[in-house]
Amino acid sequence: MNRLAIKIKDSRVAAGLSEKDLAKKCGLSVGYILQVESGKKIINESVAEKILKALGVKEIFIEEEKPEEKPAEKSAKTAEVPRPQETLIVEPSQSWADALSGVIKKYPVIDLHSNKTVDYKELPIISKKIEGHHPDKIMFAKASNNDMEAFRIEKGDVLTIFATKEIQNNSLYLFEIDGKKMIRQLRKEQNNMVKLLKSPNDDSAETVDLKKVKVMGRVIKNEFFVK
């Protein structure tokens, strides 16, 4: 890992910022910050200045990163030879993004009320899996109300969904009914009916024909929205 990557990570941790927080302050993606901090992405000075400025250490560290001027005599011949440090700094390119496509996967975050993409998540693929599942089986949804606060799901929370059509009793599911997406705890009843619960002991829960419920996936994780 290079000095710049170490400095950025240490400064971010010292400032009490997550990778997501830093990405927002810089106008960059979380995946980009992760690659920078791991030393896998080489960035030019202008991008480094943007990140370090957001961390409040711009001037000091940029001065450290610049090669020192040597008081040697300059000749026409030596002036034409670029310093090795300069040749190592490259602009991020599409080829870099293509190379990382097998390492980082970008997912849209869908708002349950508007059914529109409201954000994106970039996650690392570890051992060909994300959150322990195949990358193509994962999706993300944003809670649009407090209907499920009994299950600690509130408006603005981002839910990780494992795509499946099978119902395990008393698990939370993303499903669609009458064209409307929602999150509920599902419980199979007799006569091919299913109960849609907003709380573990919801006596007023609606019971509908299972055929009307289009199950999209099971909730496996909740990221709390910080107000």
Protein backbone atom coordinates (compact mmCIF):
# COMPACT_ATOMS: atom_id res chain seq x y z
CA MET A 1 0.00 0.00 0.00
CA ASN A 2 1.42 3.43 -0.96
CA ARG A 3 1.82 6.40 1.40
CA LEU A 4 -1.10 8.26 -0.13
CA ALA A 5 -3.49 5.34 0.46
CA ILE A 6 -2.31 4.99 4.07
CA LYS A 7 -2.64 8.74 4.71
CA ILE A 8 -6.18 8.89 3.29
CA LYS A 9 -7.37 5.91 5.32
CA ASP A 10 -5.72 7.06 8.55
CA SER A 11 -7.08 10.61 8.13
CA ARG A 12 -10.59 9.30 7.41
CA VAL A 13 -10.55 7.08 10.51
CA ALA A 14 -9.17 9.94 12.62
CA ALA A 15 -11.98 12.18 11.37
CA GLY A 16 -14.57 9.56 12.35
CA LEU A 17 -15.84 9.16 8.78
CA SER A 18 -16.96 5.98 7.05
CA GLU A 19 -15.99 5.25 3.44
CA LYS A 20 -19.53 6.27 2.45
CA ASP A 21 -19.26 9.58 4.35
CA LEU A 22 -15.95 10.41 2.66
CA ALA A 23 -17.30 9.44 -0.76
CA LYS A 24 -20.23 11.84 -0.35
CA LYS A 25 -17.97 14.71 0.79
CA CYS A 26 -15.75 14.22 -2.28
CA GLY A 27 -18.48 13.49 -4.82
CA LEU A 28 -16.98 10.05 -5.51
CA SER A 29 -18.32 6.50 -5.25
CA VAL A 30 -17.78 4.26 -2.23
CA GLY A 31 -16.13 1.68 -4.48
CA TYR A 32 -13.67 4.29 -5.69
CA ILE A 33 -12.69 5.21 -2.10
CA LEU A 34 -12.28 1.52 -1.19
CA GLN A 35 -9.93 1.00 -4.13
CA VAL A 36 -7.92 4.12 -3.28
CA GLU A 37 -7.49 3.13 0.38
CA SER A 38 -6.46 -0.41 -0.54
CA GLY A 39 -3.79 0.96 -2.87
CA LYS A 40 -5.31 -0.74 -5.90
CA LYS A 41 -6.26 2.53 -7.59
CA ILE A 42 -3.56 5.06 -8.52
CA ILE A 43 -4.92 8.60 -8.53
CA ASN A 44 -3.55 11.86 -9.86
CA GLU A 45 -2.79 14.94 -7.80
CA SER A 46 -6.08 16.74 -8.49
CA VAL A 47 -8.15 13.78 -7.21
CA ALA A 48 -5.82 13.38 -4.22
CA GLU A 49 -6.23 17.08 -3.39
CA LYS A 50 -10.04 16.72 -3.53
CA ILE A 51 -10.01 13.78 -1.09
CA LEU A 52 -7.45 15.27 1.27
CA LYS A 53 -9.18 18.64 1.24
CA ALA A 54 -12.36 16.92 2.43
CA LEU A 55 -10.31 15.41 5.26
CA GLY A 56 -8.67 18.73 6.15
CA VAL A 57 -5.09 17.59 5.43
CA LYS A 58 -4.68 18.79 1.85
CA GLU A 59 -1.76 21.18 2.02
CA ILE A 60 0.46 19.22 4.39
CA PHE A 61 0.21 15.87 2.65
CA ILE A 62 0.37 17.11 -0.93
CA GLU A 63 3.63 18.79 -0.05
CA GLU A 64 4.91 15.50 1.35
CA GLU A 65 3.91 13.60 -1.76
CA LYS A 66 5.64 15.94 -4.20
CA PRO A 67 9.24 14.94 -5.02
CA GLU A 68 11.83 17.26 -3.50
CA GLU A 69 13.58 19.70 -5.79
CA LYS A 70 17.28 18.89 -5.94
CA PRO A 71 19.71 21.84 -6.17
CA ALA A 72 21.48 20.22 -9.13
CA GLU A 73 22.36 22.15 -12.25
CA LYS A 74 19.71 21.86 -14.95
CA SER A 75 20.73 21.25 -18.51
CA ALA A 76 18.69 21.05 -21.69
CA LYS A 77 19.28 17.31 -21.76
CA THR A 78 18.21 16.50 -18.19
CA ALA A 79 15.21 18.84 -18.30
CA GLU A 80 13.64 16.70 -21.01
CA VAL A 81 13.67 13.57 -18.83
CA PRO A 82 10.52 13.28 -16.64
CA ARG A 83 10.93 12.29 -12.99
CA PRO A 84 9.94 8.66 -12.28
CA GLN A 85 7.28 9.80 -9.78
CA GLU A 86 5.46 11.73 -12.51
CA THR A 87 5.28 8.77 -14.87
CA LEU A 88 3.60 6.63 -12.18
CA ILE A 89 0.60 8.96 -11.72
CA VAL A 90 -2.21 8.11 -14.12
CA GLU A 91 -5.81 9.20 -14.60
CA PRO A 92 -8.51 6.63 -13.76
CA SER A 93 -9.74 5.22 -17.07
CA GLN A 94 -12.48 2.99 -18.42
CA SER A 95 -10.00 0.13 -18.57
CA TRP A 96 -9.60 0.42 -14.79
CA ALA A 97 -13.37 0.30 -14.34
CA ASP A 98 -13.57 -2.76 -16.61
CA ALA A 99 -10.80 -4.48 -14.64
CA LEU A 100 -12.66 -3.85 -11.38
CA SER A 101 -16.02 -5.05 -12.70
CA GLY A 102 -15.26 -8.52 -11.37
CA VAL A 103 -14.29 -7.14 -7.95
CA ILE A 104 -16.91 -4.43 -7.33
CA LYS A 105 -20.60 -4.74 -8.26
CA LYS A 106 -22.88 -1.69 -8.49
CA TYR A 107 -26.49 -2.05 -7.38
CA PRO A 108 -29.39 0.41 -7.68
CA VAL A 109 -31.35 1.20 -4.50
CA ILE A 110 -35.10 1.28 -5.26
CA ASP A 111 -37.52 3.40 -3.24
CA LEU A 112 -40.51 1.22 -2.34
CA HIS A 113 -43.05 4.04 -2.71
CA SER A 114 -41.94 5.63 -5.99
CA ASN A 115 -40.34 2.45 -7.43
CA LYS A 116 -37.50 4.68 -8.67
CA THR A 117 -33.75 4.38 -8.23
CA VAL A 118 -32.75 6.80 -5.45
CA ASP A 119 -29.15 5.70 -4.82
CA TYR A 120 -26.49 3.16 -5.70
CA LYS A 121 -24.40 0.75 -3.65
CA GLU A 122 -21.01 -0.57 -4.74
CA LEU A 123 -19.95 -3.72 -2.91
CA PRO A 124 -16.85 -5.92 -3.13
CA ILE A 125 -17.32 -9.47 -4.38
CA ILE A 126 -15.62 -11.82 -1.91
CA SER A 127 -15.15 -15.47 -2.88
CA LYS A 128 -17.65 -14.90 -5.72
CA LYS A 129 -20.32 -13.84 -3.22
CA ILE A 130 -21.89 -10.72 -1.70
CA GLU A 131 -23.44 -11.00 1.77
CA GLY A 132 -22.89 -14.76 1.46
CA HIS A 133 -25.01 -15.05 -1.68
CA HIS A 134 -24.51 -15.04 -5.45
CA PRO A 135 -24.15 -11.41 -6.64
CA ASP A 136 -27.05 -11.81 -9.07
CA LYS A 137 -29.38 -12.83 -6.21
CA ILE A 138 -28.97 -9.59 -4.24
CA MET A 139 -31.05 -6.39 -4.53
CA PHE A 140 -31.57 -3.27 -2.41
CA ALA A 141 -34.74 -1.40 -1.41
CA LYS A 142 -35.27 1.78 0.60
CA ALA A 143 -38.07 1.86 3.18
CA SER A 144 -40.48 4.68 2.37
CA ASN A 145 -42.47 4.73 5.64
CA ASN A 146 -42.51 3.49 9.24
CA ASP A 147 -45.02 0.67 8.72
CA MET A 148 -42.49 -1.91 9.91
CA GLU A 149 -40.97 -0.07 12.88
CA ALA A 150 -42.02 -2.97 15.10
CA PHE A 151 -39.29 -4.92 13.26
CA ARG A 152 -36.85 -1.97 13.60
CA ILE A 153 -37.34 -0.92 9.99
CA GLU A 154 -37.96 2.81 9.62
CA LYS A 155 -38.25 5.30 6.78
CA GLY A 156 -34.93 5.76 4.96
CA ASP A 157 -33.44 2.40 5.99
CA VAL A 158 -31.82 0.41 3.18
CA LEU A 159 -32.77 -3.26 3.07
CA THR A 160 -30.66 -6.00 1.53
CA ILE A 161 -32.94 -8.48 -0.28
CA PHE A 162 -32.11 -12.05 -1.29
CA ALA A 163 -34.09 -12.87 -4.43
CA THR A 164 -36.39 -15.84 -3.83
CA LYS A 165 -40.02 -16.81 -4.37
CA GLU A 166 -40.18 -19.32 -1.54
CA ILE A 167 -41.81 -18.28 1.74
CA GLN A 168 -40.29 -19.24 5.10
CA ASN A 169 -42.85 -18.57 7.79
CA ASN A 170 -42.22 -15.49 9.98
CA SER A 171 -39.47 -14.07 7.76
CA LEU A 172 -39.60 -10.57 6.30
CA TYR A 173 -40.23 -10.31 2.57
CA LEU A 174 -40.33 -7.80 -0.25
CA PHE A 175 -43.37 -8.56 -2.38
CA GLU A 176 -45.85 -6.96 -4.72
CA ILE A 177 -49.62 -7.04 -4.42
CA ASP A 178 -52.03 -5.16 -6.68
CA GLY A 179 -49.04 -3.40 -8.27
CA LYS A 180 -47.75 -2.08 -4.93
CA LYS A 181 -44.42 -3.12 -3.41
CA MET A 182 -44.17 -3.52 0.35
CA ILE A 183 -42.29 -5.21 3.18
CA ARG A 184 -44.16 -7.50 5.58
CA GLN A 185 -43.62 -10.57 7.71
CA LEU A 186 -45.32 -13.42 5.86
CA ARG A 187 -47.00 -16.37 7.46
CA LYS A 188 -48.70 -19.13 5.49
CA GLU A 189 -52.21 -20.02 6.62
CA GLN A 190 -54.63 -22.77 5.70
CA ASN A 191 -56.45 -22.92 2.36
CA ASN A 192 -53.53 -21.39 0.45
CA MET A 193 -53.80 -18.07 2.28
CA VAL A 194 -51.00 -15.88 3.63
CA LYS A 195 -51.02 -13.33 6.46
CA LEU A 196 -49.25 -9.96 6.00
CA LEU A 197 -47.95 -8.87 9.42
CA LYS A 198 -46.61 -5.43 10.42
CA SER A 199 -45.59 -6.70 13.86
CA PRO A 200 -44.95 -10.14 15.42
CA ASN A 201 -48.39 -10.16 17.09
CA ASP A 202 -50.46 -8.22 14.59
CA ASP A 203 -54.02 -9.37 15.28
CA SER A 204 -55.38 -7.03 12.61
CA ALA A 205 -53.03 -8.34 9.92
CA GLU A 206 -54.56 -8.73 6.47
CA THR A 207 -54.93 -12.27 5.12
CA VAL A 208 -54.93 -12.68 1.33
CA ASP A 209 -54.87 -15.40 -1.28
CA LEU A 210 -51.28 -16.50 -1.84
CA LYS A 211 -51.84 -16.32 -5.61
CA LYS A 212 -52.20 -12.52 -5.33
CA VAL A 213 -48.81 -12.13 -3.64
CA LYS A 214 -45.80 -11.82 -5.97
CA VAL A 215 -42.85 -12.62 -3.68
CA MET A 216 -39.63 -10.92 -4.84
CA GLY A 217 -37.18 -11.70 -2.06
CA ARG A 218 -36.41 -12.19 1.63
CA VAL A 219 -34.93 -9.40 3.77
CA ILE A 220 -31.52 -10.49 5.07
CA LYS A 221 -30.09 -7.20 6.32
CA ASN A 222 -31.15 -3.69 7.36
CA GLU A 223 -28.89 -0.63 7.23
CA PHE A 224 -30.34 1.97 9.61
CA PHE A 225 -30.79 5.46 8.27
CA VAL A 226 -28.90 7.95 10.45
CA LYS A 227 -30.93 11.14 10.92
